[in-house]
Amino acid sequence: MSQIFLKIFKTWLLILVCLGLAPYSFAANRPFPSLQQKNASPEAHMLGRLLAALQDLGGGNPKEARHKYEDILKDLNKAQYSPNLRWQAYDGYGRALTATGDSAKAIQALKQALMEAKSLSSKELAQTTRNLATVNLEAGNFGEAISQYKDAIALDPQNSEFKLNLASAYRFTKQYAEAVKILEQIIQTAPDNPYVYGSLGNMYLEQGTLEKAVSCFEKHALYSNDKNHVAKCYLNVGFQYYGRREFEKALDLFRRAEQIAPDNPLVYADLGWVMLDTGKKTEAIQLFEKALKMNAPKETKEMVRKFAQEGLNRAKAK
């Protein structure tokens, strides 16, 4: 959840409390009280619905959020709601559509959110402009996306997140020099931003400049709290070294990943392949078997199983 939406969330939650509505219990996952208050104002009632949709969107339930936003929009013209509330409805709906893969509808919803945001501050306008850029990038409209990211930065020049988005768009379109320029600007004002170094590292990795990639990932590791992502970065560059048959460098990076994320089965599968190709058959078999016994995340489970099983079969066949 972005900072601006978190701020909106907290502000309106406080308003609901001040209106005499009981605070929402996230732990119990109960409906917002405003949905049950017959005497609540239309604005307060609608805010409760928006907050419920926003919670689904931020909590990884975009389909449920989309359904709630669609119901909200059906009722949006039945009362005189504030411009901020109308903006939240269309902007949230656009993000839910983006998250569920409906780019065409997302673009239309976010364009309407831009219209609603014109009477608000530049922060809201910048937020929606960035969201529109993101859906255009995902839809392959690269020129529009880059232009809109620039517009968002012009509206909110100090927003590092928007600059990272622009750098990612440049990287996605192979405009590496422009991406580096943006990332270096961020480093000047936020030298401890881990995402900058992660983005730089991935860019160098794509270009095959592995030493620079490792240097960036080391800084990423220094500032990031997401250890699993740091481990993934080390595994990715280590695998590139493995492909070049620079086994010592690959082994060093795989060991670093192991220290950071010892519960990641992909670490042991990668280590197993290095051991296998350096003549250490027994160690390779042990590592492949360990990888196969571990619980991999759902999104990588099948890939890890195939990768480790293929290594184990080859090791036993030698």
Protein backbone atom coordinates (compact mmCIF):
# COMPACT_ATOMS: atom_id res chain seq x y z
CA MET A 1 0.00 0.00 0.00
CA SER A 2 1.48 3.30 -1.04
CA GLN A 3 2.12 6.08 1.44
CA ILE A 4 -0.63 8.29 0.08
CA PHE A 5 -3.26 5.56 0.35
CA LEU A 6 -2.07 4.64 3.83
CA LYS A 7 -2.42 8.28 4.84
CA ILE A 8 -5.92 8.45 3.36
CA PHE A 9 -6.80 5.19 5.07
CA LYS A 10 -5.74 6.42 8.51
CA THR A 11 -7.38 9.83 8.04
CA TRP A 12 -10.76 8.48 7.07
CA LEU A 13 -10.63 5.79 9.74
CA LEU A 14 -10.15 8.57 12.30
CA ILE A 15 -13.11 10.44 10.81
CA LEU A 16 -15.28 7.35 11.13
CA VAL A 17 -14.33 7.02 14.78
CA CYS A 18 -15.09 10.69 15.38
CA LEU A 19 -18.52 10.16 13.81
CA GLY A 20 -19.22 7.65 16.53
CA LEU A 21 -18.56 4.50 14.55
CA ALA A 22 -16.73 1.71 16.33
CA PRO A 23 -13.17 1.15 15.07
CA TYR A 24 -12.69 -1.61 12.54
CA SER A 25 -11.15 -4.82 13.84
CA PHE A 26 -8.63 -6.06 11.31
CA ALA A 27 -7.72 -9.11 13.40
CA ALA A 28 -11.33 -10.31 13.50
CA ASN A 29 -11.82 -9.46 9.81
CA ARG A 30 -15.27 -8.03 10.50
CA PRO A 31 -17.15 -5.75 8.10
CA PHE A 32 -16.74 -2.03 8.59
CA PRO A 33 -19.27 -0.78 11.15
CA SER A 34 -20.42 1.98 8.78
CA LEU A 35 -21.97 -0.74 6.63
CA GLN A 36 -24.21 -1.66 9.54
CA GLN A 37 -25.06 1.85 10.83
CA LYS A 38 -28.47 2.87 9.53
CA ASN A 39 -28.01 6.44 10.75
CA ALA A 40 -24.58 6.93 9.18
CA SER A 41 -24.31 9.69 6.58
CA PRO A 42 -24.03 8.62 2.91
CA GLU A 43 -20.43 9.90 2.88
CA ALA A 44 -19.44 7.90 5.99
CA HIS A 45 -21.24 4.82 4.71
CA MET A 46 -19.47 5.04 1.33
CA LEU A 47 -16.12 5.61 3.04
CA GLY A 48 -16.58 2.37 4.93
CA ARG A 49 -17.15 0.55 1.66
CA LEU A 50 -14.10 2.18 0.09
CA LEU A 51 -11.92 1.24 3.02
CA ALA A 52 -13.12 -2.37 2.83
CA ALA A 53 -12.23 -2.50 -0.88
CA LEU A 54 -8.88 -0.88 -0.20
CA GLN A 55 -8.13 -3.45 2.46
CA ASP A 56 -8.80 -6.26 -0.02
CA LEU A 57 -6.63 -4.58 -2.63
CA GLY A 58 -3.74 -4.08 -0.23
CA GLY A 59 -4.23 -7.53 1.29
CA GLY A 60 -3.75 -9.49 -1.91
CA ASN A 61 -7.41 -10.01 -2.84
CA PRO A 62 -7.73 -7.93 -6.03
CA LYS A 63 -10.72 -9.88 -7.41
CA GLU A 64 -12.75 -9.23 -4.27
CA ALA A 65 -11.62 -5.60 -4.30
CA ARG A 66 -12.72 -5.27 -7.94
CA HIS A 67 -16.21 -6.57 -7.11
CA LYS A 68 -16.52 -4.11 -4.23
CA TYR A 69 -15.37 -1.17 -6.34
CA GLU A 70 -17.84 -2.12 -9.09
CA ASP A 71 -20.67 -2.08 -6.55
CA ILE A 72 -19.43 1.26 -5.22
CA LEU A 73 -19.40 2.84 -8.68
CA LYS A 74 -22.99 1.74 -9.27
CA ASP A 75 -24.02 3.84 -6.26
CA LEU A 76 -21.61 6.74 -6.70
CA ASN A 77 -24.08 9.06 -8.43
CA LYS A 78 -26.93 8.38 -6.01
CA ALA A 79 -25.70 11.01 -3.54
CA GLN A 80 -23.49 14.11 -3.50
CA TYR A 81 -20.12 12.69 -2.53
CA SER A 82 -16.92 14.68 -2.03
CA PRO A 83 -14.37 14.96 -4.87
CA ASN A 84 -11.81 13.10 -2.77
CA LEU A 85 -14.17 10.18 -2.27
CA ARG A 86 -15.01 10.03 -5.98
CA TRP A 87 -11.31 10.11 -6.81
CA GLN A 88 -10.61 7.26 -4.39
CA ALA A 89 -13.38 5.18 -5.98
CA TYR A 90 -12.12 5.50 -9.56
CA ASP A 91 -8.42 5.31 -8.69
CA GLY A 92 -8.93 2.24 -6.52
CA TYR A 93 -11.06 0.60 -9.20
CA GLY A 94 -8.35 1.29 -11.77
CA ARG A 95 -5.72 -0.34 -9.58
CA ALA A 96 -7.96 -3.34 -8.93
CA LEU A 97 -8.52 -3.74 -12.67
CA THR A 98 -4.77 -3.52 -13.23
CA ALA A 99 -4.16 -6.19 -10.61
CA THR A 100 -6.70 -8.51 -12.27
CA GLY A 101 -5.23 -8.01 -15.73
CA ASP A 102 -7.94 -5.87 -17.34
CA SER A 103 -5.73 -3.14 -18.79
CA ALA A 104 -8.28 -1.58 -21.14
CA LYS A 105 -10.86 -0.98 -18.40
CA ALA A 106 -8.12 0.08 -15.97
CA ILE A 107 -6.99 2.84 -18.33
CA GLN A 108 -10.55 4.16 -18.63
CA ALA A 109 -11.11 4.09 -14.86
CA LEU A 110 -7.83 5.87 -14.17
CA LYS A 111 -8.58 8.53 -16.80
CA GLN A 112 -11.83 9.21 -14.94
CA ALA A 113 -9.84 9.33 -11.67
CA LEU A 114 -7.63 12.01 -13.26
CA MET A 115 -10.73 14.06 -14.01
CA GLU A 116 -11.89 13.71 -10.40
CA ALA A 117 -8.42 14.61 -9.06
CA LYS A 118 -8.24 17.95 -10.88
CA SER A 119 -9.97 19.71 -7.97
CA LEU A 120 -7.68 18.04 -5.43
CA SER A 121 -4.01 18.54 -4.59
CA SER A 122 -1.13 17.66 -6.90
CA LYS A 123 -0.41 14.57 -4.74
CA GLU A 124 -3.61 12.82 -5.78
CA LEU A 125 -3.14 13.83 -9.40
CA ALA A 126 0.44 12.53 -9.32
CA GLN A 127 -0.64 9.24 -7.75
CA THR A 128 -3.23 8.51 -10.42
CA THR A 129 -0.88 9.62 -13.20
CA ARG A 130 1.69 7.12 -11.90
CA ASN A 131 -0.97 4.39 -11.71
CA LEU A 132 -2.00 5.12 -15.30
CA ALA A 133 1.64 4.94 -16.39
CA THR A 134 2.00 1.54 -14.73
CA VAL A 135 -0.99 0.02 -16.51
CA ASN A 136 0.21 1.46 -19.83
CA LEU A 137 3.63 -0.09 -19.24
CA GLU A 138 2.06 -3.48 -18.55
CA ALA A 139 -0.09 -3.10 -21.67
CA GLY A 140 3.00 -2.42 -23.81
CA ASN A 141 2.29 1.27 -24.33
CA PHE A 142 5.86 2.17 -23.48
CA GLY A 143 5.98 5.71 -24.85
CA GLU A 144 2.82 6.72 -22.99
CA ALA A 145 4.04 5.07 -19.80
CA ILE A 146 7.37 6.91 -19.80
CA SER A 147 5.66 10.22 -20.56
CA GLN A 148 3.16 9.71 -17.73
CA TYR A 149 5.85 8.73 -15.24
CA LYS A 150 7.60 12.00 -16.10
CA ASP A 151 4.33 13.89 -15.58
CA ALA A 152 3.89 12.24 -12.17
CA ILE A 153 7.42 13.25 -11.15
CA ALA A 154 6.78 16.83 -12.29
CA LEU A 155 3.74 16.91 -9.98
CA ASP A 156 5.63 15.34 -7.06
CA PRO A 157 9.38 15.94 -7.65
CA GLN A 158 10.53 14.46 -4.33
CA ASN A 159 8.82 11.11 -4.78
CA SER A 160 11.56 8.48 -5.11
CA GLU A 161 9.02 5.75 -5.84
CA PHE A 162 7.92 7.52 -9.02
CA LYS A 163 11.53 7.92 -10.12
CA LEU A 164 12.13 4.22 -9.54
CA ASN A 165 9.09 3.49 -11.69
CA LEU A 166 10.50 5.63 -14.48
CA ALA A 167 13.90 3.94 -14.20
CA SER A 168 12.19 0.54 -14.44
CA ALA A 169 10.36 1.67 -17.58
CA TYR A 170 13.66 2.77 -19.12
CA ARG A 171 15.24 -0.54 -18.14
CA PHE A 172 12.29 -2.46 -19.56
CA THR A 173 12.77 -0.69 -22.90
CA LYS A 174 16.55 -1.22 -22.81
CA GLN A 175 17.27 2.49 -22.32
CA TYR A 176 19.93 1.69 -19.76
CA ALA A 177 21.75 5.03 -19.84
CA GLU A 178 18.55 6.89 -19.00
CA ALA A 179 17.75 4.39 -16.24
CA VAL A 180 21.20 4.82 -14.66
CA LYS A 181 20.82 8.60 -14.75
CA ILE A 182 17.53 8.42 -12.81
CA LEU A 183 18.85 5.91 -10.27
CA GLU A 184 21.95 7.97 -9.59
CA GLN A 185 19.72 10.96 -8.89
CA ILE A 186 17.86 8.93 -6.28
CA ILE A 187 21.12 7.80 -4.66
CA GLN A 188 22.16 11.43 -4.21
CA THR A 189 19.08 12.16 -2.08
CA ALA A 190 18.44 8.69 -0.62
CA PRO A 191 21.73 6.73 -0.48
CA ASP A 192 20.20 4.06 1.76
CA ASN A 193 17.30 3.21 -0.55
CA PRO A 194 17.65 -0.57 -1.13
CA TYR A 195 15.41 -0.62 -4.21
CA VAL A 196 17.80 1.63 -6.13
CA TYR A 197 20.66 -0.82 -5.73
CA GLY A 198 18.43 -3.79 -6.50
CA SER A 199 17.26 -2.14 -9.71
CA LEU A 200 20.80 -1.18 -10.70
CA GLY A 201 22.02 -4.69 -9.99
CA ASN A 202 19.33 -6.27 -12.13
CA MET A 203 20.08 -3.85 -14.94
CA TYR A 204 23.78 -4.74 -14.88
CA LEU A 205 22.83 -8.41 -14.71
CA GLU A 206 20.76 -8.06 -17.89
CA GLN A 207 23.73 -6.44 -19.61
CA GLY A 208 26.09 -9.19 -18.46
CA THR A 209 28.20 -6.86 -16.30
CA LEU A 210 28.29 -9.30 -13.42
CA GLU A 211 30.90 -7.65 -11.18
CA LYS A 212 28.91 -4.41 -11.15
CA ALA A 213 25.76 -6.42 -10.48
CA VAL A 214 27.36 -8.10 -7.45
CA SER A 215 28.54 -4.74 -6.11
CA CYS A 216 25.00 -3.33 -6.34
CA PHE A 217 23.45 -6.41 -4.77
CA GLU A 218 25.87 -6.11 -1.84
CA LYS A 219 24.56 -2.61 -1.17
CA HIS A 220 21.02 -3.86 -1.67
CA ALA A 221 21.71 -6.49 1.00
CA LEU A 222 23.11 -3.84 3.34
CA TYR A 223 19.93 -1.74 3.34
CA SER A 224 17.13 -4.18 2.55
CA ASN A 225 14.97 -6.01 5.09
CA ASP A 226 13.68 -8.39 2.41
CA LYS A 227 16.25 -11.15 2.85
CA ASN A 228 14.50 -13.53 0.47
CA HIS A 229 14.77 -10.98 -2.33
CA VAL A 230 18.43 -10.36 -1.54
CA ALA A 231 19.06 -14.11 -1.69
CA LYS A 232 17.26 -14.28 -5.02
CA CYS A 233 19.52 -11.55 -6.39
CA TYR A 234 22.63 -13.47 -5.35
CA LEU A 235 21.23 -16.68 -6.85
CA ASN A 236 20.48 -14.96 -10.15
CA VAL A 237 23.96 -13.54 -10.61
CA GLY A 238 25.51 -16.74 -9.29
CA PHE A 239 23.62 -18.71 -11.92
CA GLN A 240 25.08 -16.44 -14.60
CA TYR A 241 28.57 -17.21 -13.33
CA TYR A 242 27.66 -20.90 -13.32
CA GLY A 243 26.61 -20.62 -16.96
CA ARG A 244 30.04 -19.16 -17.72
CA ARG A 245 31.57 -22.11 -15.83
CA GLU A 246 33.13 -19.74 -13.30
CA PHE A 247 32.26 -22.17 -10.54
CA GLU A 248 34.16 -20.54 -7.67
CA LYS A 249 32.35 -17.25 -8.14
CA ALA A 250 29.03 -19.05 -8.49
CA LEU A 251 29.69 -21.07 -5.33
CA ASP A 252 30.56 -17.92 -3.37
CA LEU A 253 27.27 -16.27 -4.31
CA PHE A 254 25.22 -19.39 -3.64
CA ARG A 255 26.82 -19.63 -0.19
CA ARG A 256 25.92 -16.01 0.49
CA ALA A 257 22.34 -16.77 -0.46
CA GLU A 258 22.39 -19.78 1.87
CA GLN A 259 23.49 -17.62 4.80
CA ILE A 260 20.70 -15.12 4.12
CA ALA A 261 17.88 -17.55 3.30
CA PRO A 262 18.71 -21.04 4.59
CA ASP A 263 15.09 -22.14 4.11
CA ASN A 264 15.13 -21.55 0.35
CA PRO A 265 15.33 -24.93 -1.46
CA LEU A 266 16.54 -23.29 -4.67
CA VAL A 267 19.78 -22.44 -2.86
CA TYR A 268 20.55 -26.13 -2.36
CA ALA A 269 19.53 -27.07 -5.90
CA ASP A 270 21.92 -24.44 -7.27
CA LEU A 271 24.67 -25.60 -4.93
CA GLY A 272 24.03 -29.16 -6.06
CA TRP A 273 24.68 -28.29 -9.69
CA VAL A 274 27.97 -26.60 -8.84
CA MET A 275 29.06 -29.65 -6.85
CA LEU A 276 28.02 -31.97 -9.66
CA ASP A 277 30.01 -30.04 -12.28
CA THR A 278 33.08 -29.87 -10.05
CA GLY A 279 33.18 -33.62 -9.51
CA LYS A 280 31.67 -33.73 -6.02
CA LYS A 281 28.97 -36.29 -6.73
CA THR A 282 28.19 -37.29 -3.13
CA GLU A 283 27.76 -33.69 -1.98
CA ALA A 284 25.62 -32.96 -5.06
CA ILE A 285 23.25 -35.86 -4.31
CA GLN A 286 22.86 -34.72 -0.71
CA LEU A 287 22.08 -31.17 -1.77
CA PHE A 288 19.55 -32.21 -4.43
CA GLU A 289 17.80 -34.51 -1.96
CA LYS A 290 17.69 -31.73 0.63
CA ALA A 291 16.14 -29.35 -1.91
CA LEU A 292 13.47 -31.92 -2.81
CA LYS A 293 12.51 -32.48 0.83
CA MET A 294 12.03 -28.78 1.57
CA ASN A 295 8.80 -26.84 1.12
CA ALA A 296 9.20 -24.37 -1.73
CA PRO A 297 6.85 -21.40 -2.16
CA LYS A 298 3.83 -22.17 -4.32
CA GLU A 299 5.00 -19.96 -7.20
CA THR A 300 8.38 -21.73 -7.50
CA LYS A 301 7.56 -25.20 -6.20
CA GLU A 302 7.28 -26.98 -9.57
CA MET A 303 10.35 -25.25 -11.00
CA VAL A 304 12.48 -26.17 -7.98
CA ARG A 305 11.25 -29.77 -8.07
CA LYS A 306 12.15 -30.21 -11.75
CA PHE A 307 15.50 -28.46 -11.38
CA ALA A 308 16.55 -30.50 -8.33
CA GLN A 309 15.17 -33.79 -9.66
CA GLU A 310 17.03 -33.41 -12.96
CA GLY A 311 20.25 -32.77 -11.06
CA LEU A 312 19.67 -35.76 -8.80
CA ASN A 313 19.02 -38.05 -11.76
CA ARG A 314 22.19 -36.93 -13.49
CA ALA A 315 24.26 -37.31 -10.33
CA LYS A 316 23.03 -40.86 -9.74
CA ALA A 317 23.62 -41.77 -13.40
CA LYS A 318 27.33 -40.86 -13.15
